[in-house]
Structure formats: C-alpha cells, structure tokens
Amino acid sequence: MRAAVVTASDRAASGERPDATGPALISRLVEAGYACDAAIVVPDGEGSVADGIRRAIDTGARLVVTTGGTGVGPRDRSPEATRTVIDREVPGLAELLRREGAASTPMAALSRGIVGVVDGPGAVIANLPGSTRGAAEGLDTLLPLLPHVLDQLAGGDH
C-alpha cells in the first residue's frame, strides 16, 4: 500500500531550513509496511497544501498524512485544504489524535487538524502537527486503525 507525506512549511519550502518531520514520518510509514517516496514539501496555505494532497493521491497514495499548518497561525490552513479534497470527515479520528496528543502536551488542544476520506480512490487524509514529536505520536496513534479504515474504503466487510 502506498502512503505519502505532505509537509506544509514556508521555511522548508523556501529552503530556509530542512524538513525534519516529513522524513521522520516516512521512516515510520516504511517500518509499518507502506511504500513511500520523499515528502512533498509545500508552502503553508490552502491552495498549496490541497495541491500537494491531490498530487499524492494522483501518484497512488491511499494514505496521505500532512504535517504542519494545523494551528491557529494566519497561514495555518491544512484543515481547510483537506476539506477541499475529501468527501467525508472522520471526526472520531481527529478527536482521538487531539486526546492522545494532550497526554504529551496541552498544546495539542490548539490543533485544528482533521481526518477524512476520499471515496473515489479510497484514500485516508490525516492532518498531523508540524512538530516532529507530535506528528510521530499522531501517526503512531493512527497506524493500528488504518488497515481497517482502508479495508472499509475498498468495500470490505465490517
């Protein structure tokens, strides 16, 4: 199964600093058995993040995790971008991410990240925090649930 990481970061996209979180997530995804290419690094903002997600789906990714752009900053628009791509939200998964994240830091409550599905290709899109630790913990929370979600999207039985 193919997965992709979309890093939303003005500084990483401009080359001002390297993307540390994207490669960390890719490493975890590969360890979990997913095939991944390098992270797609885009500037913050709704249009660029939506384009990155669509590009990932077009290359066959059935799991797309975004990192960054989930906070309350003026350019944090990953949830809005994700809503332009998905067909349905899965609010329970986003709630789970916030609850589990709050065990590590109360700052997790500031996350506006969502999780949703794209029906056509059967893909899951999940917004994770920009911090390497927060994103890794979020992915670790989702990984045990993803096989069932992806099976359901492919028409599997409950």
N, C-alpha and C. Protein backbone atom coordinates (compact mmCIF):
# COMPACT_ATOMS: atom_id res chain seq x y z
N MET A 1 0.85 -1.18 0.00
CA MET A 1 0.00 0.00 0.00
C MET A 1 0.89 1.24 0.00
N ARG A 2 0.53 2.20 -0.82
CA ARG A 2 1.32 3.42 -0.95
C ARG A 2 0.81 4.50 0.00
N ALA A 3 1.74 5.18 0.64
CA ALA A 3 1.43 6.31 1.51
C ALA A 3 2.27 7.50 1.08
N ALA A 4 1.85 8.68 1.49
CA ALA A 4 2.61 9.90 1.16
C ALA A 4 2.53 10.86 2.34
N VAL A 5 3.55 11.70 2.42
CA VAL A 5 3.62 12.75 3.43
C VAL A 5 3.69 14.09 2.71
N VAL A 6 2.83 15.02 3.12
CA VAL A 6 2.85 16.38 2.61
C VAL A 6 3.24 17.29 3.77
N THR A 7 4.39 17.93 3.66
CA THR A 7 4.87 18.86 4.69
C THR A 7 4.47 20.27 4.30
N ALA A 8 3.71 20.93 5.17
CA ALA A 8 3.31 22.32 4.95
C ALA A 8 4.20 23.21 5.80
N SER A 9 5.12 23.90 5.13
CA SER A 9 6.06 24.76 5.86
C SER A 9 6.65 25.78 4.91
N ASP A 10 6.41 27.05 5.18
CA ASP A 10 7.00 28.10 4.35
C ASP A 10 8.52 28.01 4.38
N ARG A 11 9.09 27.79 5.57
CA ARG A 11 10.55 27.78 5.69
C ARG A 11 11.18 26.58 5.01
N ALA A 12 10.57 25.41 5.13
CA ALA A 12 11.12 24.24 4.45
C ALA A 12 10.94 24.35 2.94
N ALA A 13 9.81 24.88 2.49
CA ALA A 13 9.57 25.02 1.05
C ALA A 13 10.53 26.01 0.41
N SER A 14 10.93 27.04 1.16
CA SER A 14 11.84 28.05 0.61
C SER A 14 13.30 27.64 0.72
N GLY A 15 13.58 26.54 1.44
CA GLY A 15 14.95 26.10 1.63
C GLY A 15 15.63 26.75 2.82
N GLU A 16 14.89 27.56 3.57
CA GLU A 16 15.46 28.23 4.74
C GLU A 16 15.89 27.23 5.81
N ARG A 17 15.13 26.12 5.92
CA ARG A 17 15.51 25.07 6.87
C ARG A 17 15.07 23.74 6.29
N PRO A 18 15.75 22.66 6.68
CA PRO A 18 15.37 21.35 6.14
C PRO A 18 14.07 20.85 6.78
N ASP A 19 13.37 20.02 6.04
CA ASP A 19 12.17 19.36 6.56
C ASP A 19 12.61 18.18 7.41
N ALA A 20 12.43 18.25 8.71
CA ALA A 20 12.80 17.14 9.60
C ALA A 20 11.62 16.20 9.84
N THR A 21 10.42 16.74 9.87
CA THR A 21 9.26 15.94 10.23
C THR A 21 8.86 14.98 9.12
N GLY A 22 8.87 15.44 7.88
CA GLY A 22 8.49 14.57 6.76
C GLY A 22 9.30 13.28 6.71
N PRO A 23 10.63 13.35 6.72
CA PRO A 23 11.42 12.12 6.71
C PRO A 23 11.18 11.23 7.93
N ALA A 24 10.92 11.82 9.10
CA ALA A 24 10.64 11.01 10.29
C ALA A 24 9.34 10.22 10.10
N LEU A 25 8.33 10.86 9.52
CA LEU A 25 7.06 10.16 9.26
C LEU A 25 7.23 9.08 8.20
N ILE A 26 7.99 9.38 7.17
CA ILE A 26 8.22 8.39 6.12
C ILE A 26 8.90 7.16 6.70
N SER A 27 9.88 7.37 7.56
CA SER A 27 10.57 6.24 8.20
C SER A 27 9.58 5.37 8.96
N ARG A 28 8.68 5.98 9.71
CA ARG A 28 7.67 5.21 10.47
C ARG A 28 6.72 4.48 9.53
N LEU A 29 6.32 5.14 8.46
CA LEU A 29 5.40 4.51 7.50
C LEU A 29 6.05 3.31 6.83
N VAL A 30 7.30 3.45 6.44
CA VAL A 30 8.02 2.33 5.81
C VAL A 30 8.15 1.18 6.80
N GLU A 31 8.48 1.48 8.06
CA GLU A 31 8.55 0.44 9.09
C GLU A 31 7.21 -0.28 9.25
N ALA A 32 6.11 0.44 9.02
CA ALA A 32 4.77 -0.15 9.15
C ALA A 32 4.34 -0.89 7.89
N GLY A 33 5.19 -0.90 6.86
CA GLY A 33 4.89 -1.66 5.66
C GLY A 33 4.35 -0.87 4.48
N TYR A 34 4.32 0.45 4.58
CA TYR A 34 3.83 1.27 3.48
C TYR A 34 4.99 1.62 2.55
N ALA A 35 4.69 1.75 1.27
CA ALA A 35 5.66 2.25 0.30
C ALA A 35 5.53 3.77 0.25
N CYS A 36 6.65 4.47 0.35
CA CYS A 36 6.64 5.94 0.38
C CYS A 36 7.76 6.51 -0.46
N ASP A 37 7.47 7.62 -1.12
CA ASP A 37 8.51 8.41 -1.76
C ASP A 37 8.90 9.53 -0.80
N ALA A 38 9.76 10.42 -1.25
CA ALA A 38 10.15 11.56 -0.42
C ALA A 38 8.93 12.42 -0.12
N ALA A 39 8.99 13.14 0.97
CA ALA A 39 7.89 14.03 1.34
C ALA A 39 7.68 15.09 0.27
N ILE A 40 6.43 15.45 0.07
CA ILE A 40 6.07 16.57 -0.80
C ILE A 40 6.07 17.80 0.09
N VAL A 41 6.99 18.72 -0.15
CA VAL A 41 7.12 19.91 0.69
C VAL A 41 6.49 21.09 -0.03
N VAL A 42 5.52 21.72 0.63
CA VAL A 42 4.79 22.84 0.04
C VAL A 42 4.75 23.99 1.04
N PRO A 43 4.58 25.21 0.55
CA PRO A 43 4.40 26.33 1.48
C PRO A 43 3.08 26.18 2.23
N ASP A 44 3.00 26.81 3.40
CA ASP A 44 1.72 26.89 4.11
C ASP A 44 0.70 27.57 3.20
N GLY A 45 -0.55 27.28 3.43
CA GLY A 45 -1.62 27.91 2.66
C GLY A 45 -2.54 26.88 2.05
N GLU A 46 -3.79 27.25 1.91
CA GLU A 46 -4.81 26.30 1.47
C GLU A 46 -4.54 25.72 0.08
N GLY A 47 -4.23 26.57 -0.89
CA GLY A 47 -4.04 26.09 -2.26
C GLY A 47 -2.86 25.15 -2.41
N SER A 48 -1.73 25.52 -1.82
CA SER A 48 -0.54 24.68 -1.98
C SER A 48 -0.68 23.35 -1.27
N VAL A 49 -1.30 23.34 -0.10
CA VAL A 49 -1.49 22.08 0.63
C VAL A 49 -2.47 21.19 -0.11
N ALA A 50 -3.57 21.76 -0.60
CA ALA A 50 -4.54 20.97 -1.37
C ALA A 50 -3.88 20.37 -2.61
N ASP A 51 -3.06 21.16 -3.30
CA ASP A 51 -2.35 20.65 -4.47
C ASP A 51 -1.42 19.50 -4.09
N GLY A 52 -0.72 19.62 -2.97
CA GLY A 52 0.16 18.55 -2.52
C GLY A 52 -0.60 17.27 -2.22
N ILE A 53 -1.75 17.40 -1.56
CA ILE A 53 -2.57 16.22 -1.26
C ILE A 53 -3.05 15.57 -2.55
N ARG A 54 -3.55 16.37 -3.48
CA ARG A 54 -4.03 15.82 -4.76
C ARG A 54 -2.91 15.14 -5.53
N ARG A 55 -1.73 15.74 -5.51
CA ARG A 55 -0.59 15.13 -6.19
C ARG A 55 -0.27 13.77 -5.58
N ALA A 56 -0.32 13.67 -4.27
CA ALA A 56 -0.05 12.40 -3.59
C ALA A 56 -1.08 11.34 -3.99
N ILE A 57 -2.35 11.73 -4.02
CA ILE A 57 -3.40 10.78 -4.41
C ILE A 57 -3.22 10.36 -5.86
N ASP A 58 -2.88 11.32 -6.73
CA ASP A 58 -2.69 11.02 -8.15
C ASP A 58 -1.54 10.05 -8.39
N THR A 59 -0.58 9.99 -7.47
CA THR A 59 0.54 9.05 -7.62
C THR A 59 0.23 7.70 -6.97
N GLY A 60 -1.01 7.54 -6.49
CA GLY A 60 -1.42 6.24 -5.97
C GLY A 60 -1.44 6.09 -4.47
N ALA A 61 -1.17 7.17 -3.73
CA ALA A 61 -1.19 7.07 -2.26
C ALA A 61 -2.62 6.83 -1.78
N ARG A 62 -2.76 5.87 -0.88
CA ARG A 62 -4.07 5.60 -0.27
C ARG A 62 -4.10 6.08 1.18
N LEU A 63 -2.95 6.51 1.65
CA LEU A 63 -2.83 7.19 2.93
C LEU A 63 -1.98 8.43 2.70
N VAL A 64 -2.52 9.59 3.04
CA VAL A 64 -1.77 10.83 2.93
C VAL A 64 -1.80 11.50 4.30
N VAL A 65 -0.63 11.72 4.88
CA VAL A 65 -0.56 12.46 6.13
C VAL A 65 0.09 13.81 5.83
N THR A 66 -0.56 14.85 6.31
CA THR A 66 0.04 16.17 6.21
C THR A 66 0.67 16.48 7.56
N THR A 67 1.70 17.28 7.53
CA THR A 67 2.33 17.72 8.77
C THR A 67 2.52 19.22 8.68
N GLY A 68 2.06 19.91 9.71
CA GLY A 68 2.15 21.36 9.73
C GLY A 68 0.85 22.01 9.28
N GLY A 69 0.70 23.26 9.65
CA GLY A 69 -0.45 24.04 9.20
C GLY A 69 -1.75 23.75 9.92
N THR A 70 -1.68 23.12 11.11
CA THR A 70 -2.91 22.77 11.83
C THR A 70 -3.22 23.72 12.98
N GLY A 71 -2.36 24.66 13.24
CA GLY A 71 -2.54 25.56 14.38
C GLY A 71 -3.43 26.74 14.06
N VAL A 72 -3.26 27.81 14.80
CA VAL A 72 -4.11 28.98 14.66
C VAL A 72 -3.39 30.17 14.01
N GLY A 73 -2.19 29.94 13.49
CA GLY A 73 -1.46 31.00 12.81
C GLY A 73 -2.17 31.42 11.54
N PRO A 74 -1.87 32.63 11.06
CA PRO A 74 -2.59 33.15 9.89
C PRO A 74 -2.42 32.31 8.62
N ARG A 75 -1.33 31.58 8.49
CA ARG A 75 -1.12 30.76 7.28
C ARG A 75 -1.36 29.28 7.54
N ASP A 76 -1.80 28.92 8.72
CA ASP A 76 -2.11 27.52 9.05
C ASP A 76 -3.45 27.16 8.42
N ARG A 77 -3.41 26.50 7.27
CA ARG A 77 -4.63 26.23 6.51
C ARG A 77 -4.76 24.78 6.07
N SER A 78 -4.00 23.88 6.69
CA SER A 78 -4.07 22.47 6.26
C SER A 78 -5.47 21.86 6.42
N PRO A 79 -6.21 22.12 7.50
CA PRO A 79 -7.56 21.56 7.58
C PRO A 79 -8.48 22.08 6.47
N GLU A 80 -8.38 23.37 6.18
CA GLU A 80 -9.21 23.94 5.11
C GLU A 80 -8.85 23.33 3.76
N ALA A 81 -7.55 23.13 3.52
CA ALA A 81 -7.11 22.50 2.28
C ALA A 81 -7.63 21.07 2.18
N THR A 82 -7.56 20.36 3.28
CA THR A 82 -8.00 18.97 3.29
C THR A 82 -9.50 18.88 2.99
N ARG A 83 -10.27 19.79 3.52
CA ARG A 83 -11.72 19.77 3.27
C ARG A 83 -12.06 19.95 1.80
N THR A 84 -11.18 20.58 1.01
CA THR A 84 -11.45 20.74 -0.42
C THR A 84 -11.18 19.46 -1.19
N VAL A 85 -10.51 18.50 -0.57
CA VAL A 85 -10.13 17.26 -1.25
C VAL A 85 -11.00 16.08 -0.81
N ILE A 86 -11.33 16.01 0.47
CA ILE A 86 -12.03 14.83 1.00
C ILE A 86 -13.52 14.84 0.63
N ASP A 87 -14.11 13.65 0.71
CA ASP A 87 -15.55 13.52 0.55
C ASP A 87 -16.27 13.52 1.89
N ARG A 88 -15.63 12.95 2.91
CA ARG A 88 -16.26 12.85 4.23
C ARG A 88 -15.20 12.98 5.31
N GLU A 89 -15.56 13.64 6.41
CA GLU A 89 -14.68 13.70 7.57
C GLU A 89 -14.91 12.48 8.45
N VAL A 90 -13.87 12.12 9.19
CA VAL A 90 -13.95 11.07 10.21
C VAL A 90 -13.57 11.75 11.53
N PRO A 91 -14.52 12.46 12.14
CA PRO A 91 -14.19 13.29 13.30
C PRO A 91 -13.67 12.51 14.49
N GLY A 92 -14.08 11.28 14.65
CA GLY A 92 -13.60 10.50 15.79
C GLY A 92 -12.09 10.31 15.76
N LEU A 93 -11.51 10.17 14.57
CA LEU A 93 -10.06 10.00 14.49
C LEU A 93 -9.34 11.30 14.84
N ALA A 94 -9.87 12.44 14.40
CA ALA A 94 -9.25 13.72 14.76
C ALA A 94 -9.36 13.95 16.27
N GLU A 95 -10.51 13.58 16.84
CA GLU A 95 -10.67 13.71 18.29
C GLU A 95 -9.69 12.81 19.03
N LEU A 96 -9.49 11.61 18.52
CA LEU A 96 -8.53 10.68 19.14
C LEU A 96 -7.12 11.27 19.09
N LEU A 97 -6.74 11.86 17.96
CA LEU A 97 -5.42 12.47 17.84
C LEU A 97 -5.23 13.58 18.86
N ARG A 98 -6.23 14.43 19.02
CA ARG A 98 -6.11 15.51 20.00
C ARG A 98 -6.05 14.97 21.42
N ARG A 99 -6.88 13.99 21.72
CA ARG A 99 -6.89 13.43 23.08
C ARG A 99 -5.56 12.78 23.41
N GLU A 100 -5.04 11.97 22.50
CA GLU A 100 -3.76 11.31 22.75
C GLU A 100 -2.63 12.33 22.81
N GLY A 101 -2.68 13.34 21.94
CA GLY A 101 -1.65 14.37 21.96
C GLY A 101 -1.64 15.17 23.25
N ALA A 102 -2.83 15.37 23.83
CA ALA A 102 -2.93 16.13 25.08
C ALA A 102 -2.26 15.41 26.24
N ALA A 103 -2.06 14.10 26.10
CA ALA A 103 -1.34 13.36 27.15
C ALA A 103 0.12 13.79 27.19
N SER A 104 0.64 14.30 26.06
CA SER A 104 2.03 14.76 26.00
C SER A 104 2.17 16.26 26.22
N THR A 105 1.20 17.02 25.71
CA THR A 105 1.27 18.47 25.83
C THR A 105 -0.13 19.07 25.72
N PRO A 106 -0.43 20.04 26.57
CA PRO A 106 -1.73 20.70 26.44
C PRO A 106 -1.86 21.48 25.14
N MET A 107 -0.75 21.76 24.48
CA MET A 107 -0.78 22.48 23.20
C MET A 107 -1.54 21.70 22.14
N ALA A 108 -1.70 20.40 22.31
CA ALA A 108 -2.44 19.58 21.34
C ALA A 108 -3.87 20.07 21.19
N ALA A 109 -4.39 20.72 22.21
CA ALA A 109 -5.76 21.24 22.13
C ALA A 109 -5.89 22.35 21.10
N LEU A 110 -4.77 22.94 20.69
CA LEU A 110 -4.80 24.00 19.68
C LEU A 110 -4.85 23.46 18.26
N SER A 111 -4.70 22.17 18.10
CA SER A 111 -4.72 21.58 16.76
C SER A 111 -6.12 21.63 16.17
N ARG A 112 -6.19 22.09 14.92
CA ARG A 112 -7.45 22.09 14.20
C ARG A 112 -7.48 20.98 13.16
N GLY A 113 -6.51 20.06 13.25
CA GLY A 113 -6.38 19.00 12.26
C GLY A 113 -7.64 18.16 12.13
N ILE A 114 -7.87 17.68 10.91
CA ILE A 114 -9.00 16.80 10.63
C ILE A 114 -8.48 15.52 10.00
N VAL A 115 -9.34 14.53 9.94
CA VAL A 115 -9.09 13.29 9.21
C VAL A 115 -10.30 13.07 8.33
N GLY A 116 -10.06 12.67 7.10
CA GLY A 116 -11.17 12.43 6.18
C GLY A 116 -10.82 11.39 5.15
N VAL A 117 -11.82 11.04 4.34
CA VAL A 117 -11.63 10.03 3.31
C VAL A 117 -12.02 10.58 1.95
N VAL A 118 -11.36 10.05 0.94
CA VAL A 118 -11.68 10.34 -0.46
C VAL A 118 -12.25 9.05 -1.02
N ASP A 119 -13.52 9.08 -1.40
CA ASP A 119 -14.20 7.86 -1.81
C ASP A 119 -13.64 7.26 -3.09
N GLY A 120 -13.47 8.07 -4.14
CA GLY A 120 -13.09 7.55 -5.45
C GLY A 120 -11.92 6.58 -5.42
N PRO A 121 -10.75 7.05 -5.02
CA PRO A 121 -9.63 6.10 -4.96
C PRO A 121 -9.59 5.32 -3.66
N GLY A 122 -10.39 5.71 -2.67
CA GLY A 122 -10.33 5.05 -1.37
C GLY A 122 -9.08 5.45 -0.61
N ALA A 123 -8.98 6.74 -0.27
CA ALA A 123 -7.79 7.25 0.42
C ALA A 123 -8.18 7.89 1.74
N VAL A 124 -7.26 7.82 2.70
CA VAL A 124 -7.41 8.48 4.00
C VAL A 124 -6.44 9.66 4.04
N ILE A 125 -6.94 10.82 4.46
CA ILE A 125 -6.10 12.00 4.61
C ILE A 125 -6.15 12.40 6.09
N ALA A 126 -4.98 12.55 6.71
CA ALA A 126 -4.91 12.92 8.12
C ALA A 126 -3.96 14.09 8.30
N ASN A 127 -4.43 15.11 9.02
CA ASN A 127 -3.60 16.26 9.36
C ASN A 127 -2.91 16.02 10.69
N LEU A 128 -1.58 16.10 10.68
CA LEU A 128 -0.79 15.93 11.90
C LEU A 128 -0.07 17.24 12.21
N PRO A 129 0.36 17.42 13.45
CA PRO A 129 1.08 18.65 13.82
C PRO A 129 2.39 18.79 13.06
N GLY A 130 2.95 19.99 13.11
CA GLY A 130 4.22 20.23 12.45
C GLY A 130 5.43 19.78 13.24
N SER A 131 5.30 19.65 14.54
CA SER A 131 6.45 19.22 15.34
C SER A 131 6.74 17.74 15.07
N THR A 132 8.01 17.40 15.02
CA THR A 132 8.38 16.01 14.73
C THR A 132 7.80 15.07 15.78
N ARG A 133 7.91 15.44 17.03
CA ARG A 133 7.40 14.57 18.09
C ARG A 133 5.87 14.42 18.01
N GLY A 134 5.17 15.54 17.87
CA GLY A 134 3.72 15.50 17.80
C GLY A 134 3.22 14.73 16.60
N ALA A 135 3.88 14.91 15.45
CA ALA A 135 3.47 14.20 14.25
C ALA A 135 3.72 12.70 14.38
N ALA A 136 4.88 12.34 14.93
CA ALA A 136 5.21 10.91 15.11
C ALA A 136 4.23 10.25 16.07
N GLU A 137 3.91 10.94 17.17
CA GLU A 137 2.95 10.38 18.12
C GLU A 137 1.57 10.24 17.49
N GLY A 138 1.19 11.22 16.68
CA GLY A 138 -0.10 11.15 16.00
C GLY A 138 -0.16 9.99 15.03
N LEU A 139 0.91 9.81 14.26
CA LEU A 139 0.94 8.70 13.32
C LEU A 139 0.89 7.37 14.07
N ASP A 140 1.62 7.27 15.17
CA ASP A 140 1.58 6.04 15.97
C ASP A 140 0.17 5.75 16.49
N THR A 141 -0.59 6.79 16.77
CA THR A 141 -1.98 6.61 17.20
C THR A 141 -2.84 6.06 16.07
N LEU A 142 -2.61 6.56 14.86
CA LEU A 142 -3.44 6.16 13.71
C LEU A 142 -3.08 4.80 13.13
N LEU A 143 -1.81 4.45 13.15
CA LEU A 143 -1.36 3.25 12.43
C LEU A 143 -2.16 1.98 12.74
N PRO A 144 -2.50 1.69 13.99
CA PRO A 144 -3.25 0.45 14.24
C PRO A 144 -4.67 0.46 13.64
N LEU A 145 -5.23 1.64 13.41
CA LEU A 145 -6.59 1.75 12.90
C LEU A 145 -6.67 1.80 11.38
N LEU A 146 -5.59 2.17 10.73
CA LEU A 146 -5.63 2.42 9.29
C LEU A 146 -5.95 1.19 8.44
N PRO A 147 -5.44 0.01 8.75
CA PRO A 147 -5.81 -1.13 7.89
C PRO A 147 -7.32 -1.34 7.82
N HIS A 148 -8.02 -1.19 8.93
CA HIS A 148 -9.47 -1.37 8.93
C HIS A 148 -10.16 -0.27 8.11
N VAL A 149 -9.72 0.97 8.29
CA VAL A 149 -10.31 2.08 7.55
C VAL A 149 -10.10 1.88 6.05
N LEU A 150 -8.88 1.54 5.66
CA LEU A 150 -8.59 1.34 4.24
C LEU A 150 -9.35 0.15 3.67
N ASP A 151 -9.51 -0.90 4.45
CA ASP A 151 -10.31 -2.05 4.02
C ASP A 151 -11.76 -1.64 3.81
N GLN A 152 -12.30 -0.85 4.72
CA GLN A 152 -13.67 -0.37 4.59
C GLN A 152 -13.84 0.47 3.33
N LEU A 153 -12.88 1.33 3.04
CA LEU A 153 -12.95 2.16 1.84
C LEU A 153 -12.92 1.32 0.57
N ALA A 154 -12.27 0.17 0.64
CA ALA A 154 -12.19 -0.73 -0.52
C ALA A 154 -13.41 -1.65 -0.61
N GLY A 155 -14.38 -1.45 0.30
CA GLY A 155 -15.60 -2.25 0.25
C GLY A 155 -15.60 -3.45 1.16
N GLY A 156 -14.62 -3.55 2.05
CA GLY A 156 -14.53 -4.68 2.97
C GLY A 156 -15.70 -4.72 3.93
N ASP A 157 -15.89 -5.86 4.54
CA ASP A 157 -16.98 -6.07 5.49
C ASP A 157 -16.63 -5.41 6.82
N HIS A 158 -17.66 -5.10 7.59
CA HIS A 158 -17.46 -4.52 8.93
C HIS A 158 -16.90 -5.57 9.82
